[in-house]
Amino acid sequence: MGDQAAETARRPRADAVRNRERVLEAAKAVFSAGGPDASLEAVARRAGVGIGTLYRHFPTRQDLFDAVYLDEVEAICRWSDELGDLPAWDAFVSWADQLVAYVSTKRALAEALNHNSEMFKAGRAAVQESGERFLARAVEAGVARPGLSFDDVLRMVASITMVDVVDSGQRDRILRLALDGLRYQPSDA
């Protein structure tokens, strides 16, 4: 009976888990629009929770930044796991789409993250590992240019996310143009 009570005490309530998830989603949107200096009150309002609830889950602004970053890294890694059954080029393009969305969100937080922290380094390594896997698979299948490095792709994506666009559709079109440049097309000669 004591073990069951201890297990129940350790497990967060369902509403607390939902509130934490709503705060994270709201923080992504608010920080993407207003940058790292956006108000935490705006995050709480968008999440539909009180500021006390936000601070209960994330005692400091940095804790919230870190949690948003980790949530994004976990999302891109989960997404990567779902692409295994796609043909090599389709998997690579889908992964690149997700990376653009990820980098666009992280761009707003870039200044706020500690790039020397173990958390940041581990997140970057996880994203890099999944990206290298998809790129290598596409090169090996003969659908991506030989000699490409993941660093090439990462810099291309970072550049695309830094461009001011009229709408997200324009960013998608620019990405498609860049991906067409990465696709291997043997010459007829």
Foldseek 3Di string as FASTA:
>chain_A
DVVVVVVVVPDDDPVLVLLVVLLLVLCLVQLLVPFLPGDSCSSCVSSVHHSVSVCVCPVDSLSSLLVNLVVLLVVLLVVLVVLVVPQLLVSLLVSLVSVLVSLSSCVSCVVVDDCPDPSNVVSVVSSQVSNQVSVVNCVVVQFFDPPDDVVNSVVQSNVLSPDDDPDVVVSVVSSVVVSVVGTDDDDPD
